[in-house]
């Protein structure tokens, strides 16, 4: 019996909420799981007792104003980026728990905008892909643009980030092949529950591109609007160790901002109302959900801290990402959105 079978039986016996492993599913730009832009959702994060469904997905509306075929070619992109959620200052790396411990990463892209005219097709991966590549943390999505505005996007492609922050291609090799000619492009990096960033200036892309390191300075990316006073007012990366920076964790609904308050659109309420179906206390979800801010397989809200369970995700949102400042927010650069 495999580890996932044991875990499912344990979950069922204890009466916990278990979110299915979402292999083969897609998540749209609202963080909701669906099969495609035109089909009904295949699986949604919801409470099995209340049955509260996630909102109906909204198809991407961005239409490029440039002709992507005019930039066709073959280049390779080398990027280092960190996610604050699974990052450990003690090890200097990101945890691979979702992959190496629970085998919970889906075998096809969780980014629905990969099915747009500018997207590189992503196949369904072999069933043993993640067991052979246990150093992968999660899926990410990259964009290349000929100008900073989203309508200048010429390419979107899903890829992986490993524990050291290196982006890896769909065969797990270091670096990401991109079907564009050599040149200078703005780079956007997205993750399904972290705040997206764009390079502060165009980066050089070619057959042997230099490393683009987004982990060494806040100035590596375009500024955000940040009202958390312990950060700079334009910081779009979180310092997770001295001189080490990572994407902010907490954009649960992928609306381009991280906010913790009582509004219906706050990320705190998305965790509570959508992922956990309005249940609190001893209720929590297990699996690949947008509310799992530190990527540890648990989505918890207001859970009893005396238990041996990991940190509550609503506590992480407020205490870690927003430094305990309720009502503060971090908003993506408007070009990224």
Protein backbone atom coordinates (compact mmCIF):
# COMPACT_ATOMS: atom_id res chain seq x y z
CA UNK A 1 0.00 0.00 0.00
CA UNK A 2 1.42 3.39 -1.03
CA UNK A 3 1.85 6.41 1.24
CA UNK A 4 -1.07 8.23 -0.37
CA UNK A 5 -3.41 5.25 0.26
CA UNK A 6 -2.35 5.15 3.92
CA UNK A 7 -2.87 8.89 4.25
CA UNK A 8 -6.31 8.77 2.67
CA UNK A 9 -7.41 5.99 5.04
CA UNK A 10 -6.04 7.92 8.01
CA UNK A 11 -7.84 11.06 6.87
CA UNK A 12 -11.12 9.20 6.47
CA UNK A 13 -10.85 7.52 9.87
CA UNK A 14 -10.14 10.82 11.62
CA UNK A 15 -13.01 12.66 9.97
CA UNK A 16 -10.81 15.31 8.37
CA UNK A 17 -11.59 17.13 5.14
CA UNK A 18 -9.55 15.61 2.32
CA UNK A 19 -9.12 17.47 -0.94
CA UNK A 20 -8.44 14.94 -3.73
CA UNK A 21 -5.09 14.89 -5.45
CA UNK A 22 -5.79 17.08 -8.44
CA UNK A 23 -3.69 15.28 -11.04
CA UNK A 24 -4.79 16.18 -14.53
CA UNK A 25 -6.77 19.24 -13.45
CA UNK A 26 -6.31 22.87 -14.36
CA UNK A 27 -6.54 25.98 -12.24
CA UNK A 28 -7.69 29.19 -13.86
CA UNK A 29 -6.50 32.67 -13.04
CA UNK A 30 -8.89 32.77 -10.08
CA UNK A 31 -7.26 29.71 -8.50
CA UNK A 32 -10.29 27.53 -9.29
CA UNK A 33 -9.81 24.07 -10.71
CA UNK A 34 -11.36 23.36 -14.10
CA UNK A 35 -10.78 21.24 -17.18
CA UNK A 36 -10.66 24.06 -19.71
CA UNK A 37 -12.05 27.48 -20.43
CA UNK A 38 -15.23 26.07 -21.96
CA UNK A 39 -15.91 23.02 -19.78
CA UNK A 40 -17.51 22.85 -16.36
CA UNK A 41 -15.14 22.51 -13.41
CA UNK A 42 -13.68 19.04 -13.03
CA UNK A 43 -12.93 19.50 -9.34
CA UNK A 44 -13.38 22.39 -6.95
CA UNK A 45 -12.04 23.19 -3.50
CA UNK A 46 -15.13 22.89 -1.32
CA UNK A 47 -16.38 21.45 1.95
CA UNK A 48 -17.82 17.95 1.51
CA UNK A 49 -20.34 18.73 4.23
CA UNK A 50 -21.55 22.15 3.09
CA UNK A 51 -20.86 21.65 -0.62
CA UNK A 52 -20.05 25.33 -1.09
CA UNK A 53 -18.59 25.54 -4.62
CA UNK A 54 -15.82 27.79 -5.81
CA UNK A 55 -16.83 30.72 -8.05
CA UNK A 56 -17.45 30.13 -11.75
CA UNK A 57 -14.17 30.56 -13.65
CA UNK A 58 -13.71 33.64 -15.81
CA UNK A 59 -11.80 33.09 -19.08
CA UNK A 60 -8.63 35.15 -19.55
CA UNK A 61 -9.38 38.39 -21.39
CA UNK A 62 -5.87 39.54 -22.34
CA UNK A 63 -5.36 39.67 -26.11
CA UNK A 64 -1.85 40.34 -27.35
CA UNK A 65 -1.33 43.34 -29.64
CA UNK A 66 1.82 41.82 -31.11
CA UNK A 67 2.17 38.84 -33.44
CA UNK A 68 3.93 36.08 -31.48
CA UNK A 69 4.99 34.30 -34.67
CA UNK A 70 7.15 37.30 -35.56
CA UNK A 71 9.41 36.35 -32.66
CA UNK A 72 9.64 32.62 -33.36
CA UNK A 73 12.97 30.91 -32.85
CA UNK A 74 14.57 28.75 -30.18
CA UNK A 75 16.24 30.04 -27.04
CA UNK A 76 16.84 28.90 -23.49
CA UNK A 77 16.01 30.81 -20.34
CA UNK A 78 17.88 30.37 -17.05
CA UNK A 79 16.11 31.83 -14.03
CA UNK A 80 16.38 31.54 -10.26
CA UNK A 81 13.35 32.52 -8.17
CA UNK A 82 12.20 31.57 -4.67
CA UNK A 83 8.73 31.13 -3.17
CA UNK A 84 8.47 32.52 0.35
CA UNK A 85 5.85 29.96 1.45
CA UNK A 86 7.98 26.80 1.36
CA UNK A 87 11.33 28.55 1.90
CA UNK A 88 13.37 27.58 4.96
CA UNK A 89 16.00 30.00 6.26
CA UNK A 90 17.62 27.10 8.10
CA UNK A 91 18.37 25.15 4.93
CA UNK A 92 18.43 28.00 2.42
CA UNK A 93 16.10 25.96 0.23
CA UNK A 94 12.40 25.40 -0.38
CA UNK A 95 10.60 22.35 0.97
CA UNK A 96 9.47 19.78 -1.59
CA UNK A 97 6.77 18.35 0.70
CA UNK A 98 3.91 18.40 -1.82
CA UNK A 99 6.00 16.38 -4.25
CA UNK A 100 8.49 14.22 -2.35
CA UNK A 101 6.33 13.39 0.68
CA UNK A 102 2.74 13.35 -0.61
CA UNK A 103 3.04 12.98 -4.38
CA UNK A 104 0.40 15.70 -4.73
CA UNK A 105 1.63 17.70 -7.73
CA UNK A 106 -0.72 17.42 -10.73
CA UNK A 107 0.59 15.80 -13.89
CA UNK A 108 -0.52 18.64 -16.13
CA UNK A 109 -0.26 22.40 -15.78
CA UNK A 110 -2.40 24.16 -13.15
CA UNK A 111 -2.36 27.38 -15.23
CA UNK A 112 -5.35 27.72 -17.51
CA UNK A 113 -3.86 30.66 -19.40
CA UNK A 114 -1.42 28.12 -20.85
CA UNK A 115 -4.30 27.43 -23.26
CA UNK A 116 -4.12 30.88 -24.87
CA UNK A 117 -2.79 31.86 -28.32
CA UNK A 118 0.58 32.76 -26.82
CA UNK A 119 1.00 29.57 -24.83
CA UNK A 120 3.40 26.67 -25.35
CA UNK A 121 1.39 23.39 -25.19
CA UNK A 122 2.01 21.31 -22.10
CA UNK A 123 1.57 17.54 -22.30
CA UNK A 124 0.35 15.31 -19.50
CA UNK A 125 3.46 14.05 -17.75
CA UNK A 126 4.28 10.35 -17.29
CA UNK A 127 2.90 8.81 -14.12
CA UNK A 128 6.39 8.33 -12.65
CA UNK A 129 7.67 11.81 -13.52
CA UNK A 130 7.55 13.30 -10.02
CA UNK A 131 8.80 10.16 -8.28
CA UNK A 132 11.89 10.43 -10.50
CA UNK A 133 12.24 14.18 -9.85
CA UNK A 134 11.61 14.64 -6.13
CA UNK A 135 13.55 17.92 -5.94
CA UNK A 136 10.76 19.79 -7.76
CA UNK A 137 8.74 22.11 -5.50
CA UNK A 138 5.78 23.07 -7.72
CA UNK A 139 4.64 24.29 -11.10
CA UNK A 140 5.26 27.93 -12.06
CA UNK A 141 4.41 29.89 -15.19
CA UNK A 142 6.68 32.26 -17.12
CA UNK A 143 5.75 34.96 -19.62
CA UNK A 144 7.93 36.82 -22.09
CA UNK A 145 6.87 40.26 -23.32
CA UNK A 146 8.30 42.70 -25.85
CA UNK A 147 7.04 45.55 -23.67
CA UNK A 148 5.92 45.80 -20.05
CA UNK A 149 2.17 45.85 -20.80
CA UNK A 150 0.41 42.47 -20.72
CA UNK A 151 -0.82 43.01 -24.29
CA UNK A 152 2.81 42.72 -25.36
CA UNK A 153 2.97 39.11 -24.18
CA UNK A 154 4.41 36.83 -26.86
CA UNK A 155 4.80 33.62 -24.86
CA UNK A 156 3.50 31.80 -21.81
CA UNK A 157 4.93 28.51 -20.65
CA UNK A 158 4.58 26.32 -17.59
CA UNK A 159 7.71 25.06 -15.92
CA UNK A 160 8.90 23.87 -12.51
CA UNK A 161 10.91 25.40 -9.69
CA UNK A 162 13.24 23.17 -7.72
CA UNK A 163 14.29 23.44 -4.08
CA UNK A 164 17.20 25.78 -4.90
CA UNK A 165 15.00 28.09 -6.97
CA UNK A 166 16.22 27.00 -10.40
CA UNK A 167 13.50 26.92 -13.05
CA UNK A 168 13.32 23.59 -14.82
CA UNK A 169 11.81 22.56 -18.10
CA UNK A 170 9.06 20.00 -18.67
CA UNK A 171 11.69 17.25 -18.82
CA UNK A 172 13.12 18.48 -15.47
CA UNK A 173 16.33 19.77 -17.08
CA UNK A 174 17.70 23.03 -15.66
CA UNK A 175 16.60 26.01 -17.71
CA UNK A 176 13.48 26.48 -19.81
CA UNK A 177 13.44 26.21 -23.59
CA UNK A 178 11.38 28.98 -25.20
CA UNK A 179 10.40 29.15 -28.89
CA UNK A 180 11.49 32.78 -29.38
CA UNK A 181 14.40 34.33 -31.25
CA UNK A 182 17.32 35.85 -29.37
CA UNK A 183 16.55 39.26 -27.97
CA UNK A 184 15.59 41.30 -24.93
CA UNK A 185 12.26 40.56 -23.23
CA UNK A 186 10.47 41.39 -20.01
CA UNK A 187 10.07 38.30 -17.84
CA UNK A 188 7.02 37.55 -15.68
CA UNK A 189 7.02 34.70 -13.15
CA UNK A 190 3.75 33.47 -11.67
CA UNK A 191 2.83 30.95 -8.98
CA UNK A 192 -0.68 29.81 -8.14
CA UNK A 193 -0.79 31.38 -4.63
CA UNK A 194 2.17 33.78 -4.57
CA UNK A 195 2.28 37.33 -5.90
CA UNK A 196 3.55 37.46 -9.50
CA UNK A 197 6.55 39.60 -10.44
CA UNK A 198 8.04 41.14 -13.59
CA UNK A 199 11.68 41.84 -14.24
CA UNK A 200 12.53 45.50 -13.70
CA UNK A 201 14.10 45.71 -17.16
CA UNK A 202 14.23 43.51 -20.26
CA UNK A 203 16.44 40.45 -19.90
CA UNK A 204 18.64 38.99 -22.62
CA UNK A 205 17.33 35.68 -23.98
CA UNK A 206 19.29 33.50 -26.39
CA UNK A 207 20.71 30.06 -27.04
CA UNK A 208 23.05 30.39 -24.06
CA UNK A 209 21.36 32.93 -21.77
CA UNK A 210 23.00 34.15 -18.58
CA UNK A 211 21.31 33.41 -15.28
CA UNK A 212 18.52 35.80 -14.33
CA UNK A 213 18.59 35.81 -10.53
CA UNK A 214 15.46 37.28 -8.94
CA UNK A 215 16.53 36.30 -5.43
CA UNK A 216 19.24 38.90 -4.70
CA UNK A 217 17.51 42.28 -4.63
CA UNK A 218 14.08 43.90 -4.49
CA UNK A 219 15.20 46.05 -7.40
CA UNK A 220 15.34 42.99 -9.67
CA UNK A 221 11.58 43.28 -10.24
CA UNK A 222 9.09 46.05 -10.95
CA UNK A 223 7.72 47.80 -7.84
CA UNK A 224 4.51 46.87 -6.05
CA UNK A 225 2.26 48.97 -3.81
CA UNK A 226 3.08 47.75 -0.31
CA UNK A 227 1.43 49.22 2.81
CA UNK A 228 3.14 46.84 5.27
CA UNK A 229 5.37 49.22 7.21
CA UNK A 230 8.20 46.74 7.86
CA UNK A 231 8.75 46.54 4.09
CA UNK A 232 9.54 49.28 1.65
CA UNK A 233 6.45 50.96 0.08
CA UNK A 234 7.33 49.49 -3.32
CA UNK A 235 8.75 46.12 -2.25
CA UNK A 236 7.51 43.27 -4.43
CA UNK A 237 9.79 40.60 -2.93
CA UNK A 238 10.06 39.44 0.68
CA UNK A 239 13.46 39.17 2.33
CA UNK A 240 13.46 35.61 3.68
CA UNK A 241 17.14 35.57 4.78
CA UNK A 242 19.80 38.28 4.79
CA UNK A 243 20.27 39.23 1.14
CA UNK A 244 17.80 36.58 -0.07
CA UNK A 245 14.43 37.52 -1.56
CA UNK A 246 11.34 35.55 -2.56
CA UNK A 247 7.86 35.97 -4.01
CA UNK A 248 5.27 36.92 -1.37
CA UNK A 249 2.95 34.05 -0.44
CA UNK A 250 -0.76 34.71 0.03
CA UNK A 251 -2.44 35.66 -3.26
CA UNK A 252 -4.93 32.83 -2.83
CA UNK A 253 -7.50 34.03 -5.38
CA UNK A 254 -4.89 35.33 -7.85
CA UNK A 255 -6.41 38.80 -8.06
CA UNK A 256 -3.02 40.51 -7.95
CA UNK A 257 -3.07 41.51 -4.30
CA UNK A 258 -2.53 40.02 -0.85
CA UNK A 259 -4.98 41.31 1.73
CA UNK A 260 -6.20 40.09 5.12
CA UNK A 261 -9.42 41.74 6.28
CA UNK A 262 -13.18 41.15 6.38
CA UNK A 263 -13.93 41.91 2.72
CA UNK A 264 -15.33 39.08 0.61
CA UNK A 265 -12.33 39.26 -1.71
CA UNK A 266 -9.68 39.03 1.01
CA UNK A 267 -7.34 36.07 0.78
CA UNK A 268 -8.16 35.17 4.37
CA UNK A 269 -11.84 34.80 3.49
CA UNK A 270 -11.05 32.79 0.37
CA UNK A 271 -9.24 30.25 2.55
CA UNK A 272 -12.15 30.16 5.00
CA UNK A 273 -15.15 30.35 2.67
CA UNK A 274 -13.98 28.67 -0.54
CA UNK A 275 -11.26 26.19 0.37
CA UNK A 276 -12.73 25.15 3.72
CA UNK A 277 -16.39 25.78 2.92
CA UNK A 278 -16.88 28.18 5.85
CA UNK A 279 -15.78 25.71 8.51
CA UNK A 280 -13.27 26.61 11.23
CA UNK A 281 -11.99 25.03 14.43
CA UNK A 282 -10.89 21.45 13.86
CA UNK A 283 -11.60 21.62 10.12
CA UNK A 284 -8.81 21.67 7.59
CA UNK A 285 -8.13 20.50 4.05
CA UNK A 286 -5.41 18.21 2.79
CA UNK A 287 -3.98 18.26 -0.71
CA UNK A 288 -3.06 20.58 -3.57
CA UNK A 289 -5.19 23.63 -2.73
CA UNK A 290 -4.68 27.37 -3.30
CA UNK A 291 -5.07 27.98 0.45
CA UNK A 292 -1.92 26.01 1.34
CA UNK A 293 0.36 29.03 1.59
CA UNK A 294 3.50 27.23 2.76
CA UNK A 295 2.99 24.21 0.46
CA UNK A 296 2.99 21.67 3.30
CA UNK A 297 -0.18 19.78 2.12
CA UNK A 298 -2.31 21.26 4.94
CA UNK A 299 -4.76 24.15 4.59
CA UNK A 300 -5.66 25.30 8.09
CA UNK A 301 -7.76 28.19 9.36
CA UNK A 302 -8.06 29.14 13.03
CA UNK A 303 -6.89 25.72 14.16
CA UNK A 304 -6.09 24.92 17.80
CA UNK A 305 -2.37 25.79 18.17
CA UNK A 306 -1.98 23.20 20.97
CA UNK A 307 -2.12 20.41 18.37
CA UNK A 308 0.93 19.13 16.55
CA UNK A 309 -0.37 20.38 13.21
CA UNK A 310 1.58 22.86 11.06
CA UNK A 311 1.03 26.61 11.14
CA UNK A 312 -2.43 27.93 10.31
CA UNK A 313 -2.47 29.38 6.81
CA UNK A 314 -4.55 32.38 7.90
CA UNK A 315 -1.95 33.03 10.62
CA UNK A 316 0.81 32.73 8.04
CA UNK A 317 -0.96 35.26 5.82
CA UNK A 318 -1.33 37.81 8.59
CA UNK A 319 1.72 37.14 10.77
CA UNK A 320 4.38 36.26 8.19
CA UNK A 321 3.40 37.84 4.86
CA UNK A 322 1.72 40.95 6.29
CA UNK A 323 3.90 41.13 9.44
CA UNK A 324 0.86 41.17 11.77
CA UNK A 325 -0.65 44.32 10.21
CA UNK A 326 -4.34 43.59 9.63
CA UNK A 327 -5.76 45.73 6.84
CA UNK A 328 -2.37 46.14 5.16
CA UNK A 329 -1.96 44.90 1.60
CA UNK A 330 0.55 44.19 -1.11
CA UNK A 331 -0.55 44.87 -4.69
CA UNK A 332 1.18 43.67 -7.85
CA UNK A 333 2.65 46.13 -10.29
CA UNK A 334 -0.26 47.11 -12.59
CA UNK A 335 1.65 45.93 -15.66
CA UNK A 336 1.83 42.41 -14.25
CA UNK A 337 -1.91 42.20 -13.71
